[in-house]
Amino acid sequence: MAEHYYSQKPTTAHDQHKLEVSLRRQKFQFVTDAGVFSKKGVDYGSKVLIEAMDIESGSKVLDVGCGYGPIGLTAAKLSSENHVTMLDINERAVELSRSNAQRNGLSNVKVMQSDTLAAVLDQTFDVVLTNPPIRAGKEIVHRIFEEVHAVLRPGGALWIVIQKKQGAPSAFSKLESLFTQVDEVTKDKGYRIIKAIK
């Protein structure tokens, strides 16, 4: 089986790149590597999510499947009062997110290796952000939604980006079965931003 970015220990040879990007009018420097999602640049879906996500200052934020960190680190930079926990099963992604947090001077971030949300099921969060690992399969994505529901405080929000062709309708139905309110906030080039409130 070909190795995917959700492998726990990528064996792909290292191939690091430095990126300079602007997200929410903030400048970031990221180092990426082979074996992680979207290594050549922040993917379009993540950018659409980053522009749409609405996070009150002082929130406890969880980024599920953080990769090298663009979504979670943007959430951390939006307010130094935010506390951002970032999870990924991929140990290379976890190391990159940690170093990228330091590279961008962000100390309000904690990065952990975790299979879905296993490492934080004893915690609660105000906001959860995810560009879910669609290629891991529907079962994994739906498990993430169930675990997110378990860790969100009542009234808390899950923000996800998903393409219609990658199963947005079934994801929407699954979210409606779990959450009090589910809305499509925006769509752009086939990417849909869905907000689900517990």
C-alpha atoms as a PDB file:
ATOM      1  CA  MET A   1       0.000   0.000   0.000  1.00  0.00           C
ATOM      2  CA  ALA A   2       1.296   3.459  -0.852  1.00  0.00           C
ATOM      3  CA  GLU A   3       2.232   5.560   2.133  1.00  0.00           C
ATOM      4  CA  HIS A   4      -0.148   8.388   3.003  1.00  0.00           C
ATOM      5  CA  TYR A   5       0.290  11.559   5.038  1.00  0.00           C
ATOM      6  CA  TYR A   6      -1.683   9.898   7.859  1.00  0.00           C
ATOM      7  CA  SER A   7       1.031   7.228   8.323  1.00  0.00           C
ATOM      8  CA  GLN A   8       2.241   7.281  11.916  1.00  0.00           C
ATOM      9  CA  LYS A   9       5.919   7.109  10.979  1.00  0.00           C
ATOM     10  CA  PRO A  10       6.554   8.286   7.421  1.00  0.00           C
ATOM     11  CA  THR A  11       9.460   6.481   5.771  1.00  0.00           C
ATOM     12  CA  THR A  12       9.592   8.790   2.736  1.00  0.00           C
ATOM     13  CA  ALA A  13      13.002  10.441   2.362  1.00  0.00           C
ATOM     14  CA  HIS A  14      13.125  13.936   3.863  1.00  0.00           C
ATOM     15  CA  ASP A  15      12.683  16.783   1.385  1.00  0.00           C
ATOM     16  CA  GLN A  16      12.253  19.987   3.344  1.00  0.00           C
ATOM     17  CA  HIS A  17      10.906  23.221   1.856  1.00  0.00           C
ATOM     18  CA  LYS A  18      10.602  26.704   3.362  1.00  0.00           C
ATOM     19  CA  LEU A  19       7.383  28.582   2.684  1.00  0.00           C
ATOM     20  CA  GLU A  20       6.537  32.222   3.323  1.00  0.00           C
ATOM     21  CA  VAL A  21       2.793  32.773   3.282  1.00  0.00           C
ATOM     22  CA  SER A  22       0.238  35.353   4.323  1.00  0.00           C
ATOM     23  CA  LEU A  23      -2.849  34.028   6.144  1.00  0.00           C
ATOM     24  CA  ARG A  24      -5.490  36.337   7.629  1.00  0.00           C
ATOM     25  CA  ARG A  25      -3.184  39.265   6.830  1.00  0.00           C
ATOM     26  CA  GLN A  26      -0.442  37.758   9.006  1.00  0.00           C
ATOM     27  CA  LYS A  27       2.923  36.629   7.663  1.00  0.00           C
ATOM     28  CA  PHE A  28       4.107  33.104   8.443  1.00  0.00           C
ATOM     29  CA  GLN A  29       7.202  31.051   7.751  1.00  0.00           C
ATOM     30  CA  PHE A  30       6.710  27.291   7.557  1.00  0.00           C
ATOM     31  CA  VAL A  31       9.099  24.433   6.982  1.00  0.00           C
ATOM     32  CA  THR A  32       7.420  21.461   5.293  1.00  0.00           C
ATOM     33  CA  ASP A  33       8.694  18.003   4.417  1.00  0.00           C
ATOM     34  CA  ALA A  34       7.919  14.943   2.339  1.00  0.00           C
ATOM     35  CA  GLY A  35       5.433  12.584   3.963  1.00  0.00           C
ATOM     36  CA  VAL A  36       3.123  15.361   5.219  1.00  0.00           C
ATOM     37  CA  PHE A  37      -0.037  16.810   3.667  1.00  0.00           C
ATOM     38  CA  SER A  38       0.360  19.552   1.040  1.00  0.00           C
ATOM     39  CA  LYS A  39       4.117  19.992   1.468  1.00  0.00           C
ATOM     40  CA  LYS A  40       4.571  22.433  -1.439  1.00  0.00           C
ATOM     41  CA  GLY A  41       2.215  25.097  -0.107  1.00  0.00           C
ATOM     42  CA  VAL A  42      -0.840  25.675   2.042  1.00  0.00           C
ATOM     43  CA  ASP A  43      -3.636  23.863   0.192  1.00  0.00           C
ATOM     44  CA  TYR A  44      -6.606  25.832  -1.112  1.00  0.00           C
ATOM     45  CA  GLY A  45      -9.137  24.149   1.198  1.00  0.00           C
ATOM     46  CA  SER A  46      -7.118  25.052   4.298  1.00  0.00           C
ATOM     47  CA  LYS A  47      -6.872  28.664   3.080  1.00  0.00           C
ATOM     48  CA  VAL A  48     -10.652  28.866   2.631  1.00  0.00           C
ATOM     49  CA  LEU A  49     -11.137  27.461   6.154  1.00  0.00           C
ATOM     50  CA  ILE A  50      -8.576  29.863   7.646  1.00  0.00           C
ATOM     51  CA  GLU A  51     -10.320  32.857   6.060  1.00  0.00           C
ATOM     52  CA  ALA A  52     -13.777  31.710   7.236  1.00  0.00           C
ATOM     53  CA  MET A  53     -13.102  30.489  10.785  1.00  0.00           C
ATOM     54  CA  ASP A  54     -14.429  32.729  13.528  1.00  0.00           C
ATOM     55  CA  ILE A  55     -12.707  32.349  16.897  1.00  0.00           C
ATOM     56  CA  GLU A  56     -13.389  34.506  19.942  1.00  0.00           C
ATOM     57  CA  SER A  57     -10.271  35.697  21.758  1.00  0.00           C
ATOM     58  CA  GLY A  58      -9.491  33.506  24.770  1.00  0.00           C
ATOM     59  CA  SER A  59     -10.844  30.313  23.176  1.00  0.00           C
ATOM     60  CA  LYS A  60      -9.534  26.819  23.754  1.00  0.00           C
ATOM     61  CA  VAL A  61      -8.974  25.642  20.199  1.00  0.00           C
ATOM     62  CA  LEU A  62      -8.246  22.174  18.825  1.00  0.00           C
ATOM     63  CA  ASP A  63      -6.762  21.564  15.355  1.00  0.00           C
ATOM     64  CA  VAL A  64      -7.292  17.924  14.299  1.00  0.00           C
ATOM     65  CA  GLY A  65      -4.896  16.625  11.644  1.00  0.00           C
ATOM     66  CA  CYS A  66      -2.680  19.697  11.881  1.00  0.00           C
ATOM     67  CA  GLY A  67      -0.023  18.694   9.331  1.00  0.00           C
ATOM     68  CA  TYR A  68       2.822  21.216   9.521  1.00  0.00           C
ATOM     69  CA  GLY A  69       0.495  23.688  11.212  1.00  0.00           C
ATOM     70  CA  PRO A  70      -1.070  26.411   9.030  1.00  0.00           C
ATOM     71  CA  ILE A  71      -4.610  26.217  10.462  1.00  0.00           C
ATOM     72  CA  GLY A  72      -3.739  25.869  14.155  1.00  0.00           C
ATOM     73  CA  LEU A  73      -0.876  28.360  14.036  1.00  0.00           C
ATOM     74  CA  THR A  74      -3.132  30.941  12.380  1.00  0.00           C
ATOM     75  CA  ALA A  75      -5.654  30.386  15.198  1.00  0.00           C
ATOM     76  CA  ALA A  76      -2.839  30.944  17.709  1.00  0.00           C
ATOM     77  CA  LYS A  77      -1.673  34.109  15.976  1.00  0.00           C
ATOM     78  CA  LEU A  78      -5.177  35.625  15.775  1.00  0.00           C
ATOM     79  CA  SER A  79      -5.040  36.147  19.554  1.00  0.00           C
ATOM     80  CA  SER A  80      -2.318  35.490  22.101  1.00  0.00           C
ATOM     81  CA  GLU A  81      -5.205  34.769  24.512  1.00  0.00           C
ATOM     82  CA  ASN A  82      -6.174  31.670  22.523  1.00  0.00           C
ATOM     83  CA  HIS A  83      -4.857  28.287  23.713  1.00  0.00           C
ATOM     84  CA  VAL A  84      -4.367  26.009  20.714  1.00  0.00           C
ATOM     85  CA  THR A  85      -3.865  22.249  20.865  1.00  0.00           C
ATOM     86  CA  MET A  86      -2.754  20.623  17.606  1.00  0.00           C
ATOM     87  CA  LEU A  87      -2.992  16.906  16.864  1.00  0.00           C
ATOM     88  CA  ASP A  88      -1.679  14.660  14.113  1.00  0.00           C
ATOM     89  CA  ILE A  89      -1.036  10.925  13.873  1.00  0.00           C
ATOM     90  CA  ASN A  90       2.028  11.632  11.717  1.00  0.00           C
ATOM     91  CA  GLU A  91       5.112  12.139  13.911  1.00  0.00           C
ATOM     92  CA  ARG A  92       6.893  14.113  11.166  1.00  0.00           C
ATOM     93  CA  ALA A  93       3.940  16.534  11.008  1.00  0.00           C
ATOM     94  CA  VAL A  94       4.010  16.890  14.816  1.00  0.00           C
ATOM     95  CA  GLU A  95       7.728  17.782  14.796  1.00  0.00           C
ATOM     96  CA  LEU A  96       7.202  20.278  11.967  1.00  0.00           C
ATOM     97  CA  SER A  97       4.261  21.947  13.742  1.00  0.00           C
ATOM     98  CA  ARG A  98       6.318  22.302  16.929  1.00  0.00           C
ATOM     99  CA  SER A  99       9.244  23.875  15.093  1.00  0.00           C
ATOM    100  CA  ASN A 100       6.919  26.080  13.000  1.00  0.00           C
ATOM    101  CA  ALA A 101       5.256  27.363  16.190  1.00  0.00           C
ATOM    102  CA  GLN A 102       8.699  28.410  17.478  1.00  0.00           C
ATOM    103  CA  ARG A 103       9.685  29.805  14.073  1.00  0.00           C
ATOM    104  CA  ASN A 104       6.635  32.104  14.203  1.00  0.00           C
ATOM    105  CA  GLY A 105       7.106  33.081  17.855  1.00  0.00           C
ATOM    106  CA  LEU A 106       3.939  31.347  19.060  1.00  0.00           C
ATOM    107  CA  SER A 107       4.028  30.046  22.631  1.00  0.00           C
ATOM    108  CA  ASN A 108       0.244  29.533  23.083  1.00  0.00           C
ATOM    109  CA  VAL A 109       0.416  26.209  21.206  1.00  0.00           C
ATOM    110  CA  LYS A 110       0.707  22.574  22.291  1.00  0.00           C
ATOM    111  CA  VAL A 111       1.338  19.909  19.634  1.00  0.00           C
ATOM    112  CA  MET A 112       0.678  16.225  20.330  1.00  0.00           C
ATOM    113  CA  GLN A 113       0.841  12.993  18.376  1.00  0.00           C
ATOM    114  CA  SER A 114      -2.582  11.359  18.456  1.00  0.00           C
ATOM    115  CA  ASP A 115      -4.639   8.820  16.548  1.00  0.00           C
ATOM    116  CA  THR A 116      -7.761  10.896  15.847  1.00  0.00           C
ATOM    117  CA  LEU A 117      -8.582  12.636  19.204  1.00  0.00           C
ATOM    118  CA  ALA A 118      -7.350   9.878  21.556  1.00  0.00           C
ATOM    119  CA  ALA A 119      -4.849  12.169  23.328  1.00  0.00           C
ATOM    120  CA  VAL A 120      -7.458  14.792  24.314  1.00  0.00           C
ATOM    121  CA  LEU A 121     -10.671  12.863  25.019  1.00  0.00           C
ATOM    122  CA  ASP A 122     -10.421  13.956  28.682  1.00  0.00           C
ATOM    123  CA  GLN A 123     -10.426  17.673  27.730  1.00  0.00           C
ATOM    124  CA  THR A 124     -12.994  20.177  26.460  1.00  0.00           C
ATOM    125  CA  PHE A 125     -12.635  22.827  23.759  1.00  0.00           C
ATOM    126  CA  ASP A 126     -14.536  25.891  22.571  1.00  0.00           C
ATOM    127  CA  VAL A 127     -13.621  25.518  18.892  1.00  0.00           C
ATOM    128  CA  VAL A 128     -12.403  22.581  16.803  1.00  0.00           C
ATOM    129  CA  LEU A 129     -10.871  23.096  13.352  1.00  0.00           C
ATOM    130  CA  THR A 130     -10.165  20.370  10.820  1.00  0.00           C
ATOM    131  CA  ASN A 131      -9.307  19.773   7.213  1.00  0.00           C
ATOM    132  CA  PRO A 132     -10.144  16.085   7.691  1.00  0.00           C
ATOM    133  CA  PRO A 133      -7.979  13.281   6.240  1.00  0.00           C
ATOM    134  CA  ILE A 134     -10.444  12.302   3.497  1.00  0.00           C
ATOM    135  CA  ARG A 135      -8.089   9.686   2.066  1.00  0.00           C
ATOM    136  CA  ALA A 136      -8.060   7.873   5.405  1.00  0.00           C
ATOM    137  CA  GLY A 137     -11.645   6.872   4.581  1.00  0.00           C
ATOM    138  CA  LYS A 138     -15.173   7.753   5.681  1.00  0.00           C
ATOM    139  CA  GLU A 139     -14.993   5.605   8.820  1.00  0.00           C
ATOM    140  CA  ILE A 140     -12.028   7.599  10.182  1.00  0.00           C
ATOM    141  CA  VAL A 141     -13.548  10.968   9.218  1.00  0.00           C
ATOM    142  CA  HIS A 142     -16.869  10.093  10.882  1.00  0.00           C
ATOM    143  CA  ARG A 143     -15.008   8.869  13.992  1.00  0.00           C
ATOM    144  CA  ILE A 144     -13.283  12.257  14.153  1.00  0.00           C
ATOM    145  CA  PHE A 145     -16.714  13.966  14.055  1.00  0.00           C
ATOM    146  CA  GLU A 146     -17.997  11.741  16.894  1.00  0.00           C
ATOM    147  CA  GLU A 147     -14.917  12.406  19.032  1.00  0.00           C
ATOM    148  CA  VAL A 148     -15.117  16.147  18.317  1.00  0.00           C
ATOM    149  CA  HIS A 149     -18.697  16.115  19.589  1.00  0.00           C
ATOM    150  CA  ALA A 150     -17.450  14.464  22.789  1.00  0.00           C
ATOM    151  CA  VAL A 151     -14.778  17.129  23.489  1.00  0.00           C
ATOM    152  CA  LEU A 152     -16.687  20.273  22.459  1.00  0.00           C
ATOM    153  CA  ARG A 153     -18.322  22.268  25.222  1.00  0.00           C
ATOM    154  CA  PRO A 154     -22.072  22.877  24.795  1.00  0.00           C
ATOM    155  CA  GLY A 155     -22.407  25.749  22.325  1.00  0.00           C
ATOM    156  CA  GLY A 156     -18.914  25.102  20.960  1.00  0.00           C
ATOM    157  CA  ALA A 157     -18.276  24.991  17.218  1.00  0.00           C
ATOM    158  CA  LEU A 158     -16.605  22.615  14.800  1.00  0.00           C
ATOM    159  CA  TRP A 159     -15.314  24.191  11.572  1.00  0.00           C
ATOM    160  CA  ILE A 160     -14.450  21.840   8.711  1.00  0.00           C
ATOM    161  CA  VAL A 161     -13.516  22.136   5.048  1.00  0.00           C
ATOM    162  CA  ILE A 162     -14.594  19.402   2.644  1.00  0.00           C
ATOM    163  CA  GLN A 163     -15.064  19.129  -1.102  1.00  0.00           C
ATOM    164  CA  LYS A 164     -18.397  18.072  -2.532  1.00  0.00           C
ATOM    165  CA  LYS A 165     -16.725  15.345  -4.584  1.00  0.00           C
ATOM    166  CA  GLN A 166     -14.947  14.065  -1.462  1.00  0.00           C
ATOM    167  CA  GLY A 167     -18.138  13.324   0.407  1.00  0.00           C
ATOM    168  CA  ALA A 168     -19.487  16.662   1.642  1.00  0.00           C
ATOM    169  CA  PRO A 169     -23.132  15.423   1.522  1.00  0.00           C
ATOM    170  CA  SER A 170     -22.467  12.330   3.686  1.00  0.00           C
ATOM    171  CA  ALA A 171     -20.287  14.386   6.052  1.00  0.00           C
ATOM    172  CA  PHE A 172     -23.103  16.929   6.375  1.00  0.00           C
ATOM    173  CA  SER A 173     -25.611  14.156   7.198  1.00  0.00           C
ATOM    174  CA  LYS A 174     -23.274  12.668   9.802  1.00  0.00           C
ATOM    175  CA  LEU A 175     -22.777  16.078  11.404  1.00  0.00           C
ATOM    176  CA  GLU A 176     -26.546  16.680  11.468  1.00  0.00           C
ATOM    177  CA  SER A 177     -26.979  13.410  13.360  1.00  0.00           C
ATOM    178  CA  LEU A 178     -24.551  14.620  16.061  1.00  0.00           C
ATOM    179  CA  PHE A 179     -24.805  18.408  16.350  1.00  0.00           C
ATOM    180  CA  THR A 180     -27.590  20.831  17.233  1.00  0.00           C
ATOM    181  CA  GLN A 181     -27.028  23.126  14.253  1.00  0.00           C
ATOM    182  CA  VAL A 182     -25.078  22.509  11.036  1.00  0.00           C
ATOM    183  CA  ASP A 183     -24.613  25.228   8.404  1.00  0.00           C
ATOM    184  CA  GLU A 184     -22.634  25.643   5.227  1.00  0.00           C
ATOM    185  CA  VAL A 185     -20.882  28.952   5.906  1.00  0.00           C
ATOM    186  CA  THR A 186     -19.290  29.466   2.506  1.00  0.00           C
ATOM    187  CA  LYS A 187     -18.085  27.625  -0.578  1.00  0.00           C
ATOM    188  CA  ASP A 188     -15.243  28.389  -2.916  1.00  0.00           C
ATOM    189  CA  LYS A 189     -14.083  26.357  -5.954  1.00  0.00           C
ATOM    190  CA  GLY A 190     -15.888  23.253  -4.726  1.00  0.00           C
ATOM    191  CA  TYR A 191     -14.614  23.558  -1.141  1.00  0.00           C
ATOM    192  CA  ARG A 192     -17.363  23.846   1.425  1.00  0.00           C
ATOM    193  CA  ILE A 193     -16.878  25.307   4.898  1.00  0.00           C
ATOM    194  CA  ILE A 194     -19.263  23.710   7.380  1.00  0.00           C
ATOM    195  CA  LYS A 195     -19.836  24.965  10.903  1.00  0.00           C
ATOM    196  CA  ALA A 196     -21.450  22.574  13.381  1.00  0.00           C
ATOM    197  CA  ILE A 197     -22.576  23.807  16.795  1.00  0.00           C
ATOM    198  CA  LYS A 198     -23.020  21.437  19.721  1.00  0.00           C
END
